[in-house]
All heavy atoms as atom14 arrays in JSON, in Angstrom:
{
  "sequence": "NELPGTVRQVMLTPGQVVEAGTVLVAFDVSVEEAELRAQQAQAVLAEA",
  "atom14_mask": [
    [1, 1, 1, 1, 1, 1, 1, 1, 0, 0, 0, 0, 0, 0],
    [1, 1, 1, 1, 1, 1, 1, 1, 1, 0, 0, 0, 0, 0],
    [1, 1, 1, 1, 1, 1, 1, 1, 0, 0, 0, 0, 0, 0],
    [1, 1, 1, 1, 1, 1, 1, 0, 0, 0, 0, 0, 0, 0],
    [1, 1, 1, 1, 0, 0, 0, 0, 0, 0, 0, 0, 0, 0],
    [1, 1, 1, 1, 1, 1, 1, 0, 0, 0, 0, 0, 0, 0],
    [1, 1, 1, 1, 1, 1, 1, 0, 0, 0, 0, 0, 0, 0],
    [1, 1, 1, 1, 1, 1, 1, 1, 1, 1, 1, 0, 0, 0],
    [1, 1, 1, 1, 1, 1, 1, 1, 1, 0, 0, 0, 0, 0],
    [1, 1, 1, 1, 1, 1, 1, 0, 0, 0, 0, 0, 0, 0],
    [1, 1, 1, 1, 1, 1, 1, 1, 0, 0, 0, 0, 0, 0],
    [1, 1, 1, 1, 1, 1, 1, 1, 0, 0, 0, 0, 0, 0],
    [1, 1, 1, 1, 1, 1, 1, 0, 0, 0, 0, 0, 0, 0],
    [1, 1, 1, 1, 1, 1, 1, 0, 0, 0, 0, 0, 0, 0],
    [1, 1, 1, 1, 0, 0, 0, 0, 0, 0, 0, 0, 0, 0],
    [1, 1, 1, 1, 1, 1, 1, 1, 1, 0, 0, 0, 0, 0],
    [1, 1, 1, 1, 1, 1, 1, 0, 0, 0, 0, 0, 0, 0],
    [1, 1, 1, 1, 1, 1, 1, 0, 0, 0, 0, 0, 0, 0],
    [1, 1, 1, 1, 1, 1, 1, 1, 1, 0, 0, 0, 0, 0],
    [1, 1, 1, 1, 1, 0, 0, 0, 0, 0, 0, 0, 0, 0],
    [1, 1, 1, 1, 0, 0, 0, 0, 0, 0, 0, 0, 0, 0],
    [1, 1, 1, 1, 1, 1, 1, 0, 0, 0, 0, 0, 0, 0],
    [1, 1, 1, 1, 1, 1, 1, 0, 0, 0, 0, 0, 0, 0],
    [1, 1, 1, 1, 1, 1, 1, 1, 0, 0, 0, 0, 0, 0],
    [1, 1, 1, 1, 1, 1, 1, 0, 0, 0, 0, 0, 0, 0],
    [1, 1, 1, 1, 1, 0, 0, 0, 0, 0, 0, 0, 0, 0],
    [1, 1, 1, 1, 1, 1, 1, 1, 1, 1, 1, 0, 0, 0],
    [1, 1, 1, 1, 1, 1, 1, 1, 0, 0, 0, 0, 0, 0],
    [1, 1, 1, 1, 1, 1, 1, 0, 0, 0, 0, 0, 0, 0],
    [1, 1, 1, 1, 1, 1, 0, 0, 0, 0, 0, 0, 0, 0],
    [1, 1, 1, 1, 1, 1, 1, 0, 0, 0, 0, 0, 0, 0],
    [1, 1, 1, 1, 1, 1, 1, 1, 1, 0, 0, 0, 0, 0],
    [1, 1, 1, 1, 1, 1, 1, 1, 1, 0, 0, 0, 0, 0],
    [1, 1, 1, 1, 1, 0, 0, 0, 0, 0, 0, 0, 0, 0],
    [1, 1, 1, 1, 1, 1, 1, 1, 1, 0, 0, 0, 0, 0],
    [1, 1, 1, 1, 1, 1, 1, 1, 0, 0, 0, 0, 0, 0],
    [1, 1, 1, 1, 1, 1, 1, 1, 1, 1, 1, 0, 0, 0],
    [1, 1, 1, 1, 1, 0, 0, 0, 0, 0, 0, 0, 0, 0],
    [1, 1, 1, 1, 1, 1, 1, 1, 1, 0, 0, 0, 0, 0],
    [1, 1, 1, 1, 1, 1, 1, 1, 1, 0, 0, 0, 0, 0],
    [1, 1, 1, 1, 1, 0, 0, 0, 0, 0, 0, 0, 0, 0],
    [1, 1, 1, 1, 1, 1, 1, 1, 1, 0, 0, 0, 0, 0],
    [1, 1, 1, 1, 1, 0, 0, 0, 0, 0, 0, 0, 0, 0],
    [1, 1, 1, 1, 1, 1, 1, 0, 0, 0, 0, 0, 0, 0],
    [1, 1, 1, 1, 1, 1, 1, 1, 0, 0, 0, 0, 0, 0],
    [1, 1, 1, 1, 1, 0, 0, 0, 0, 0, 0, 0, 0, 0],
    [1, 1, 1, 1, 1, 1, 1, 1, 1, 0, 0, 0, 0, 0],
    [1, 1, 1, 1, 1, 0, 0, 0, 0, 0, 0, 0, 0, 0]
  ],
  "atom14_positions": [
    [[-81.09, 158.49, -33.24], [-80.06, 158.22, -32.23], [-78.75, 158.87, -32.65], [-78.37, 158.88, -33.82], [-79.85, 156.7, -32.11], [-79.48, 156.04, -33.42], [-80.2, 156.19, -34.4], [-78.37, 155.33, -33.45], [0.0, 0.0, 0.0], [0.0, 0.0, 0.0], [0.0, 0.0, 0.0], [0.0, 0.0, 0.0], [0.0, 0.0, 0.0], [0.0, 0.0, 0.0]],
    [[-78.06, 159.46, -31.69], [-76.79, 160.13, -31.94], [-75.64, 159.16, -32.03], [-74.64, 159.43, -32.71], [-76.51, 161.16, -30.85], [-77.5, 162.31, -30.81], [-77.1, 163.36, -29.79], [-75.9, 163.68, -29.72], [-77.97, 163.87, -29.08], [0.0, 0.0, 0.0], [0.0, 0.0, 0.0], [0.0, 0.0, 0.0], [0.0, 0.0, 0.0], [0.0, 0.0, 0.0]],
    [[-75.72, 158.01, -31.32], [-74.63, 157.04, -31.27], [-75.13, 155.68, -31.76], [-76.29, 155.33, -31.54], [-74.08, 156.93, -29.84], [-73.5, 158.2, -29.22], [-73.12, 157.95, -27.78], [-72.29, 158.69, -30.03], [0.0, 0.0, 0.0], [0.0, 0.0, 0.0], [0.0, 0.0, 0.0], [0.0, 0.0, 0.0], [0.0, 0.0, 0.0], [0.0, 0.0, 0.0]],
    [[-74.26, 154.9, -32.42], [-74.66, 153.56, -32.82], [-74.72, 152.62, -31.65], [-74.15, 152.86, -30.6], [-73.56, 153.16, -33.83], [-72.36, 153.92, -33.36], [-72.89, 155.23, -32.83], [0.0, 0.0, 0.0], [0.0, 0.0, 0.0], [0.0, 0.0, 0.0], [0.0, 0.0, 0.0], [0.0, 0.0, 0.0], [0.0, 0.0, 0.0], [0.0, 0.0, 0.0]],
    [[-75.45, 151.51, -31.84], [-75.51, 150.54, -30.75], [-76.63, 149.54, -30.97], [-77.39, 149.6, -31.95], [0.0, 0.0, 0.0], [0.0, 0.0, 0.0], [0.0, 0.0, 0.0], [0.0, 0.0, 0.0], [0.0, 0.0, 0.0], [0.0, 0.0, 0.0], [0.0, 0.0, 0.0], [0.0, 0.0, 0.0], [0.0, 0.0, 0.0], [0.0, 0.0, 0.0]],
    [[-76.73, 148.59, -30.03], [-77.75, 147.53, -30.04], [-78.92, 147.94, -29.17], [-78.72, 148.31, -28.02], [-77.18, 146.19, -29.6], [-76.06, 145.84, -30.44], [-78.22, 145.11, -29.68], [0.0, 0.0, 0.0], [0.0, 0.0, 0.0], [0.0, 0.0, 0.0], [0.0, 0.0, 0.0], [0.0, 0.0, 0.0], [0.0, 0.0, 0.0], [0.0, 0.0, 0.0]],
    [[-80.11, 147.84, -29.7], [-81.3, 148.25, -28.95], [-81.59, 147.24, -27.85], [-81.63, 146.03, -28.09], [-82.55, 148.34, -29.89], [-83.78, 148.71, -29.09], [-82.27, 149.37, -30.99], [0.0, 0.0, 0.0], [0.0, 0.0, 0.0], [0.0, 0.0, 0.0], [0.0, 0.0, 0.0], [0.0, 0.0, 0.0], [0.0, 0.0, 0.0], [0.0, 0.0, 0.0]],
    [[-81.75, 147.72, -26.63], [-82.05, 146.84, -25.49], [-83.51, 146.9, -25.09], [-84.13, 145.9, -24.77], [-81.19, 147.25, -24.29], [-81.36, 146.34, -23.08], [-80.59, 146.91, -21.9], [-81.13, 148.2, -21.47], [-80.57, 148.96, -20.55], [-79.44, 148.6, -19.98], [-81.11, 150.11, -20.22], [0.0, 0.0, 0.0], [0.0, 0.0, 0.0], [0.0, 0.0, 0.0]],
    [[-84.1, 148.08, -25.19], [-85.5, 148.26, -24.78], [-86.18, 149.28, -25.67], [-85.6, 150.3, -26.03], [-85.54, 148.72, -23.31], [-86.93, 148.76, -22.7], [-86.88, 149.18, -21.23], [-85.85, 149.7, -20.77], [-87.97, 148.97, -20.52], [0.0, 0.0, 0.0], [0.0, 0.0, 0.0], [0.0, 0.0, 0.0], [0.0, 0.0, 0.0], [0.0, 0.0, 0.0]],
    [[-87.43, 148.97, -26.05], [-88.24, 149.85, -26.92], [-89.58, 150.11, -26.25], [-90.27, 149.17, -25.88], [-88.44, 149.25, -28.32], [-89.27, 150.18, -29.18], [-87.11, 148.97, -28.99], [0.0, 0.0, 0.0], [0.0, 0.0, 0.0], [0.0, 0.0, 0.0], [0.0, 0.0, 0.0], [0.0, 0.0, 0.0], [0.0, 0.0, 0.0], [0.0, 0.0, 0.0]],
    [[-89.92, 151.37, -26.09], [-91.23, 151.73, -25.52], [-91.88, 152.77, -26.42], [-92.17, 153.91, -26.02], [-91.05, 152.28, -24.1], [-90.68, 151.17, -23.09], [-90.07, 151.81, -21.54], [-88.44, 152.31, -22.02], [0.0, 0.0, 0.0], [0.0, 0.0, 0.0], [0.0, 0.0, 0.0], [0.0, 0.0, 0.0], [0.0, 0.0, 0.0], [0.0, 0.0, 0.0]],
    [[-92.07, 152.38, -27.69], [-92.67, 153.24, -28.69], [-94.01, 152.65, -29.11], [-94.07, 151.68, -29.87], [-91.76, 153.38, -29.9], [-90.41, 154.05, -29.68], [-89.56, 153.97, -30.93], [-90.61, 155.51, -29.26], [0.0, 0.0, 0.0], [0.0, 0.0, 0.0], [0.0, 0.0, 0.0], [0.0, 0.0, 0.0], [0.0, 0.0, 0.0], [0.0, 0.0, 0.0]],
    [[-95.08, 153.21, -28.59], [-96.44, 152.76, -28.93], [-97.05, 153.82, -29.81], [-97.32, 154.95, -29.36], [-97.29, 152.57, -27.68], [-96.64, 151.6, -26.82], [-98.68, 152.07, -28.04], [0.0, 0.0, 0.0], [0.0, 0.0, 0.0], [0.0, 0.0, 0.0], [0.0, 0.0, 0.0], [0.0, 0.0, 0.0], [0.0, 0.0, 0.0], [0.0, 0.0, 0.0]],
    [[-97.27, 153.56, -31.1], [-97.85, 154.57, -31.99], [-99.17, 155.13, -31.47], [-100.05, 154.37, -31.03], [-98.07, 153.81, -33.31], [-97.06, 152.71, -33.25], [-96.98, 152.3, -31.82], [0.0, 0.0, 0.0], [0.0, 0.0, 0.0], [0.0, 0.0, 0.0], [0.0, 0.0, 0.0], [0.0, 0.0, 0.0], [0.0, 0.0, 0.0], [0.0, 0.0, 0.0]],
    [[-99.27, 156.45, -31.48], [-100.48, 157.12, -31.01], [-100.49, 157.44, -29.53], [-101.34, 158.18, -29.06], [0.0, 0.0, 0.0], [0.0, 0.0, 0.0], [0.0, 0.0, 0.0], [0.0, 0.0, 0.0], [0.0, 0.0, 0.0], [0.0, 0.0, 0.0], [0.0, 0.0, 0.0], [0.0, 0.0, 0.0], [0.0, 0.0, 0.0], [0.0, 0.0, 0.0]],
    [[-99.54, 156.87, -28.77], [-99.5, 157.13, -27.34], [-98.91, 158.52, -27.03], [-97.99, 158.95, -27.68], [-98.65, 156.06, -26.63], [-98.56, 156.24, -25.13], [-97.62, 155.22, -24.49], [-96.92, 154.5, -25.19], [-97.63, 155.14, -23.17], [0.0, 0.0, 0.0], [0.0, 0.0, 0.0], [0.0, 0.0, 0.0], [0.0, 0.0, 0.0], [0.0, 0.0, 0.0]],
    [[-99.5, 159.19, -26.05], [-99.01, 160.49, -25.61], [-98.03, 160.26, -24.45], [-98.4, 159.63, -23.44], [-100.13, 161.42, -25.18], [-99.58, 162.74, -24.63], [-101.07, 161.71, -26.36], [0.0, 0.0, 0.0], [0.0, 0.0, 0.0], [0.0, 0.0, 0.0], [0.0, 0.0, 0.0], [0.0, 0.0, 0.0], [0.0, 0.0, 0.0], [0.0, 0.0, 0.0]],
    [[-96.81, 160.73, -24.59], [-95.78, 160.55, -23.58], [-95.38, 161.9, -22.99], [-95.43, 162.92, -23.69], [-94.54, 159.83, -24.15], [-94.88, 158.42, -24.58], [-93.96, 160.59, -25.34], [0.0, 0.0, 0.0], [0.0, 0.0, 0.0], [0.0, 0.0, 0.0], [0.0, 0.0, 0.0], [0.0, 0.0, 0.0], [0.0, 0.0, 0.0], [0.0, 0.0, 0.0]],
    [[-94.99, 161.9, -21.73], [-94.58, 163.12, -21.07], [-93.1, 163.38, -21.34], [-92.34, 162.48, -21.75], [-94.82, 163.0, -19.57], [-96.26, 162.78, -19.18], [-97.16, 163.95, -19.56], [-96.67, 165.08, -19.61], [-98.36, 163.74, -19.82], [0.0, 0.0, 0.0], [0.0, 0.0, 0.0], [0.0, 0.0, 0.0], [0.0, 0.0, 0.0], [0.0, 0.0, 0.0]],
    [[-92.68, 164.61, -21.14], [-91.28, 164.98, -21.33], [-90.41, 164.17, -20.37], [-90.71, 164.05, -19.19], [-91.09, 166.47, -21.11], [0.0, 0.0, 0.0], [0.0, 0.0, 0.0], [0.0, 0.0, 0.0], [0.0, 0.0, 0.0], [0.0, 0.0, 0.0], [0.0, 0.0, 0.0], [0.0, 0.0, 0.0], [0.0, 0.0, 0.0], [0.0, 0.0, 0.0]],
    [[-89.3, 163.63, -20.88], [-88.41, 162.84, -20.06], [-88.68, 161.35, -20.06], [-87.89, 160.57, -19.49], [0.0, 0.0, 0.0], [0.0, 0.0, 0.0], [0.0, 0.0, 0.0], [0.0, 0.0, 0.0], [0.0, 0.0, 0.0], [0.0, 0.0, 0.0], [0.0, 0.0, 0.0], [0.0, 0.0, 0.0], [0.0, 0.0, 0.0], [0.0, 0.0, 0.0]],
    [[-89.78, 160.9, -20.7], [-90.09, 159.48, -20.73], [-89.07, 158.73, -21.61], [-88.75, 159.15, -22.71], [-91.49, 159.25, -21.3], [-92.45, 159.96, -20.51], [-91.88, 157.8, -21.32], [0.0, 0.0, 0.0], [0.0, 0.0, 0.0], [0.0, 0.0, 0.0], [0.0, 0.0, 0.0], [0.0, 0.0, 0.0], [0.0, 0.0, 0.0], [0.0, 0.0, 0.0]],
    [[-88.57, 157.61, -21.1], [-87.61, 156.81, -21.88], [-88.37, 156.14, -23.03], [-89.35, 155.43, -22.82], [-86.93, 155.76, -20.98], [-86.03, 154.87, -21.82], [-86.12, 156.43, -19.9], [0.0, 0.0, 0.0], [0.0, 0.0, 0.0], [0.0, 0.0, 0.0], [0.0, 0.0, 0.0], [0.0, 0.0, 0.0], [0.0, 0.0, 0.0], [0.0, 0.0, 0.0]],
    [[-87.89, 156.34, -24.26], [-88.53, 155.75, -25.43], [-87.71, 154.59, -26.0], [-88.28, 153.56, -26.35], [-88.7, 156.83, -26.51], [-89.55, 158.04, -26.1], [-89.63, 159.05, -27.24], [-90.95, 157.63, -25.68], [0.0, 0.0, 0.0], [0.0, 0.0, 0.0], [0.0, 0.0, 0.0], [0.0, 0.0, 0.0], [0.0, 0.0, 0.0], [0.0, 0.0, 0.0]],
    [[-86.41, 154.77, -26.11], [-85.53, 153.71, -26.62], [-84.26, 153.69, -25.74], [-83.66, 154.74, -25.49], [-85.15, 153.95, -28.09], [-84.18, 152.84, -28.57], [-86.4, 153.98, -28.97], [0.0, 0.0, 0.0], [0.0, 0.0, 0.0], [0.0, 0.0, 0.0], [0.0, 0.0, 0.0], [0.0, 0.0, 0.0], [0.0, 0.0, 0.0], [0.0, 0.0, 0.0]],
    [[-83.88, 152.5, -25.32], [-82.65, 152.35, -24.51], [-81.71, 151.39, -25.25], [-82.12, 150.28, -25.62], [-82.98, 151.83, -23.12], [0.0, 0.0, 0.0], [0.0, 0.0, 0.0], [0.0, 0.0, 0.0], [0.0, 0.0, 0.0], [0.0, 0.0, 0.0], [0.0, 0.0, 0.0], [0.0, 0.0, 0.0], [0.0, 0.0, 0.0], [0.0, 0.0, 0.0]],
    [[-80.46, 151.82, -25.47], [-79.47, 150.99, -26.1], [-78.67, 150.22, -25.03], [-78.63, 150.61, -23.85], [-78.52, 151.86, -26.93], [-79.12, 152.34, -28.22], [-79.95, 153.46, -28.23], [-78.88, 151.69, -29.4], [-80.5, 153.92, -29.39], [-79.44, 152.14, -30.59], [-80.26, 153.26, -30.58], [0.0, 0.0, 0.0], [0.0, 0.0, 0.0], [0.0, 0.0, 0.0]],
    [[-78.02, 149.17, -25.45], [-77.18, 148.39, -24.55], [-75.97, 149.22, -24.16], [-75.2, 149.67, -25.0], [-76.73, 147.1, -25.25], [-75.89, 146.21, -24.34], [-75.97, 146.4, -23.09], [-75.15, 145.35, -24.86], [0.0, 0.0, 0.0], [0.0, 0.0, 0.0], [0.0, 0.0, 0.0], [0.0, 0.0, 0.0], [0.0, 0.0, 0.0], [0.0, 0.0, 0.0]],
    [[-75.79, 149.42, -22.84], [-74.67, 150.24, -22.34], [-73.84, 149.46, -21.33], [-73.18, 150.04, -20.46], [-75.23, 151.55, -21.69], [-75.81, 152.47, -22.72], [-76.24, 151.22, -20.6], [0.0, 0.0, 0.0], [0.0, 0.0, 0.0], [0.0, 0.0, 0.0], [0.0, 0.0, 0.0], [0.0, 0.0, 0.0], [0.0, 0.0, 0.0], [0.0, 0.0, 0.0]],
    [[-73.86, 148.13, -21.46], [-73.09, 147.3, -20.5], [-71.6, 147.6, -20.56], [-70.92, 147.66, -19.55], [-73.37, 145.84, -20.75], [-73.06, 145.47, -22.09], [0.0, 0.0, 0.0], [0.0, 0.0, 0.0], [0.0, 0.0, 0.0], [0.0, 0.0, 0.0], [0.0, 0.0, 0.0], [0.0, 0.0, 0.0], [0.0, 0.0, 0.0], [0.0, 0.0, 0.0]],
    [[-71.08, 147.78, -21.79], [-69.65, 148.09, -21.94], [-69.34, 149.46, -21.33], [-68.34, 149.62, -20.61], [-69.24, 148.05, -23.42], [-67.8, 148.51, -23.6], [-69.44, 146.66, -23.99], [0.0, 0.0, 0.0], [0.0, 0.0, 0.0], [0.0, 0.0, 0.0], [0.0, 0.0, 0.0], [0.0, 0.0, 0.0], [0.0, 0.0, 0.0], [0.0, 0.0, 0.0]],
    [[-70.18, 150.44, -21.62], [-69.95, 151.78, -21.09], [-70.07, 151.8, -19.54], [-69.28, 152.52, -18.88], [-70.94, 152.77, -21.69], [-70.71, 153.13, -23.12], [-71.19, 152.04, -24.08], [-71.78, 151.05, -23.6], [-71.04, 152.2, -25.29], [0.0, 0.0, 0.0], [0.0, 0.0, 0.0], [0.0, 0.0, 0.0], [0.0, 0.0, 0.0], [0.0, 0.0, 0.0]],
    [[-70.97, 151.01, -18.99], [-71.09, 150.97, -17.53], [-69.86, 150.32, -16.9], [-69.41, 150.76, -15.81], [-72.35, 150.21, -17.15], [-73.62, 150.98, -17.47], [-74.88, 150.15, -17.17], [-74.76, 148.92, -17.03], [-75.98, 150.76, -17.1], [0.0, 0.0, 0.0], [0.0, 0.0, 0.0], [0.0, 0.0, 0.0], [0.0, 0.0, 0.0], [0.0, 0.0, 0.0]],
    [[-69.3, 149.31, -17.53], [-68.07, 148.67, -17.02], [-66.9, 149.66, -17.08], [-66.1, 149.77, -16.13], [-67.74, 147.43, -17.83], [0.0, 0.0, 0.0], [0.0, 0.0, 0.0], [0.0, 0.0, 0.0], [0.0, 0.0, 0.0], [0.0, 0.0, 0.0], [0.0, 0.0, 0.0], [0.0, 0.0, 0.0], [0.0, 0.0, 0.0], [0.0, 0.0, 0.0]],
    [[-66.83, 150.4, -18.19], [-65.76, 151.42, -18.29], [-65.94, 152.5, -17.23], [-64.95, 153.01, -16.69], [-65.77, 152.01, -19.69], [-65.35, 151.07, -20.79], [-65.43, 151.69, -22.18], [-66.0, 152.8, -22.26], [-64.93, 151.08, -23.17], [0.0, 0.0, 0.0], [0.0, 0.0, 0.0], [0.0, 0.0, 0.0], [0.0, 0.0, 0.0], [0.0, 0.0, 0.0]],
    [[-67.2, 152.84, -16.96], [-67.46, 153.87, -15.95], [-66.98, 153.42, -14.58], [-66.37, 154.21, -13.83], [-68.95, 154.2, -15.92], [-69.39, 155.21, -14.87], [-68.71, 156.56, -15.08], [-70.92, 155.37, -14.88], [0.0, 0.0, 0.0], [0.0, 0.0, 0.0], [0.0, 0.0, 0.0], [0.0, 0.0, 0.0], [0.0, 0.0, 0.0], [0.0, 0.0, 0.0]],
    [[-67.25, 152.18, -14.23], [-66.78, 151.67, -12.91], [-65.24, 151.68, -12.83], [-64.67, 152.03, -11.79], [-67.31, 150.28, -12.69], [-68.83, 150.24, -12.43], [-69.27, 148.88, -11.93], [-69.13, 147.86, -12.98], [-70.08, 147.55, -13.85], [-71.25, 148.2, -13.8], [-69.89, 146.63, -14.76], [0.0, 0.0, 0.0], [0.0, 0.0, 0.0], [0.0, 0.0, 0.0]],
    [[-64.58, 151.31, -13.93], [-63.1, 151.33, -13.93], [-62.59, 152.76, -13.81], [-61.61, 153.01, -13.06], [-62.6, 150.68, -15.21], [0.0, 0.0, 0.0], [0.0, 0.0, 0.0], [0.0, 0.0, 0.0], [0.0, 0.0, 0.0], [0.0, 0.0, 0.0], [0.0, 0.0, 0.0], [0.0, 0.0, 0.0], [0.0, 0.0, 0.0], [0.0, 0.0, 0.0]],
    [[-63.24, 153.7, -14.46], [-62.82, 155.1, -14.36], [-63.08, 155.67, -12.99], [-62.27, 156.49, -12.49], [-63.57, 155.9, -15.44], [-63.13, 155.57, -16.86], [-64.12, 156.02, -17.89], [-65.15, 156.61, -17.57], [-63.8, 155.78, -19.18], [0.0, 0.0, 0.0], [0.0, 0.0, 0.0], [0.0, 0.0, 0.0], [0.0, 0.0, 0.0], [0.0, 0.0, 0.0]],
    [[-64.15, 155.25, -12.34], [-64.39, 155.73, -10.98], [-63.33, 155.21, -10.03], [-62.88, 155.96, -9.12], [-65.79, 155.28, -10.55], [-66.92, 156.0, -11.26], [-68.3, 155.42, -10.95], [-68.42, 154.23, -10.57], [-69.35, 156.21, -11.1], [0.0, 0.0, 0.0], [0.0, 0.0, 0.0], [0.0, 0.0, 0.0], [0.0, 0.0, 0.0], [0.0, 0.0, 0.0]],
    [[-62.93, 153.97, -10.22], [-61.84, 153.46, -9.37], [-60.54, 154.18, -9.63], [-59.78, 154.47, -8.69], [-61.69, 151.95, -9.63], [0.0, 0.0, 0.0], [0.0, 0.0, 0.0], [0.0, 0.0, 0.0], [0.0, 0.0, 0.0], [0.0, 0.0, 0.0], [0.0, 0.0, 0.0], [0.0, 0.0, 0.0], [0.0, 0.0, 0.0], [0.0, 0.0, 0.0]],
    [[-60.29, 154.47, -10.9], [-59.08, 155.21, -11.25], [-59.1, 156.6, -10.65], [-58.05, 157.14, -10.2], [-58.93, 155.27, -12.77], [-57.66, 155.93, -13.26], [-56.43, 155.16, -12.9], [-56.46, 153.91, -12.82], [-55.31, 155.84, -12.66], [0.0, 0.0, 0.0], [0.0, 0.0, 0.0], [0.0, 0.0, 0.0], [0.0, 0.0, 0.0], [0.0, 0.0, 0.0]],
    [[-60.29, 157.2, -10.61], [-60.41, 158.55, -10.03], [-60.14, 158.54, -8.53], [-59.49, 159.45, -7.99], [-61.8, 159.1, -10.3], [0.0, 0.0, 0.0], [0.0, 0.0, 0.0], [0.0, 0.0, 0.0], [0.0, 0.0, 0.0], [0.0, 0.0, 0.0], [0.0, 0.0, 0.0], [0.0, 0.0, 0.0], [0.0, 0.0, 0.0], [0.0, 0.0, 0.0]],
    [[-60.58, 157.48, -7.85], [-60.3, 157.37, -6.41], [-58.81, 157.25, -6.17], [-58.26, 157.86, -5.26], [-61.07, 156.17, -5.84], [-60.65, 155.91, -4.39], [-62.59, 156.4, -5.91], [0.0, 0.0, 0.0], [0.0, 0.0, 0.0], [0.0, 0.0, 0.0], [0.0, 0.0, 0.0], [0.0, 0.0, 0.0], [0.0, 0.0, 0.0], [0.0, 0.0, 0.0]],
    [[-58.16, 156.41, -7.0], [-56.7, 156.26, -6.85], [-55.97, 157.57, -7.13], [-55.04, 157.95, -6.41], [-56.23, 155.16, -7.82], [-54.72, 154.87, -7.8], [-54.28, 154.42, -6.41], [-54.36, 153.83, -8.84], [0.0, 0.0, 0.0], [0.0, 0.0, 0.0], [0.0, 0.0, 0.0], [0.0, 0.0, 0.0], [0.0, 0.0, 0.0], [0.0, 0.0, 0.0]],
    [[-56.39, 158.29, -8.17], [-55.74, 159.55, -8.5], [-55.98, 160.59, -7.4], [-55.07, 161.39, -7.09], [-56.28, 160.08, -9.83], [0.0, 0.0, 0.0], [0.0, 0.0, 0.0], [0.0, 0.0, 0.0], [0.0, 0.0, 0.0], [0.0, 0.0, 0.0], [0.0, 0.0, 0.0], [0.0, 0.0, 0.0], [0.0, 0.0, 0.0], [0.0, 0.0, 0.0]],
    [[-57.16, 160.56, -6.81], [-57.43, 161.5, -5.7], [-56.53, 161.18, -4.49], [-55.99, 162.1, -3.84], [-58.9, 161.39, -5.31], [-59.34, 162.44, -4.3], [-59.4, 163.82, -4.93], [-59.82, 163.94, -6.11], [-59.05, 164.78, -4.22], [0.0, 0.0, 0.0], [0.0, 0.0, 0.0], [0.0, 0.0, 0.0], [0.0, 0.0, 0.0], [0.0, 0.0, 0.0]],
    [[-56.35, 159.91, -4.2], [-55.48, 159.52, -3.08], [-54.01, 159.89, -3.36], [-53.29, 160.36, -2.47], [-55.6, 158.02, -2.83], [0.0, 0.0, 0.0], [0.0, 0.0, 0.0], [0.0, 0.0, 0.0], [0.0, 0.0, 0.0], [0.0, 0.0, 0.0], [0.0, 0.0, 0.0], [0.0, 0.0, 0.0], [0.0, 0.0, 0.0], [0.0, 0.0, 0.0]]
  ]
}
């Protein structure tokens, strides 16, 4: 992993063949998603 964080979902089955693009590990991004919504609102205000 490139960034630290808390693991939310794991889909790692040893020996399983996965296709390119398959999600293997998902970290908790609730804080980042909240920041994204605030930034989108700020972008709308700046555009206006």
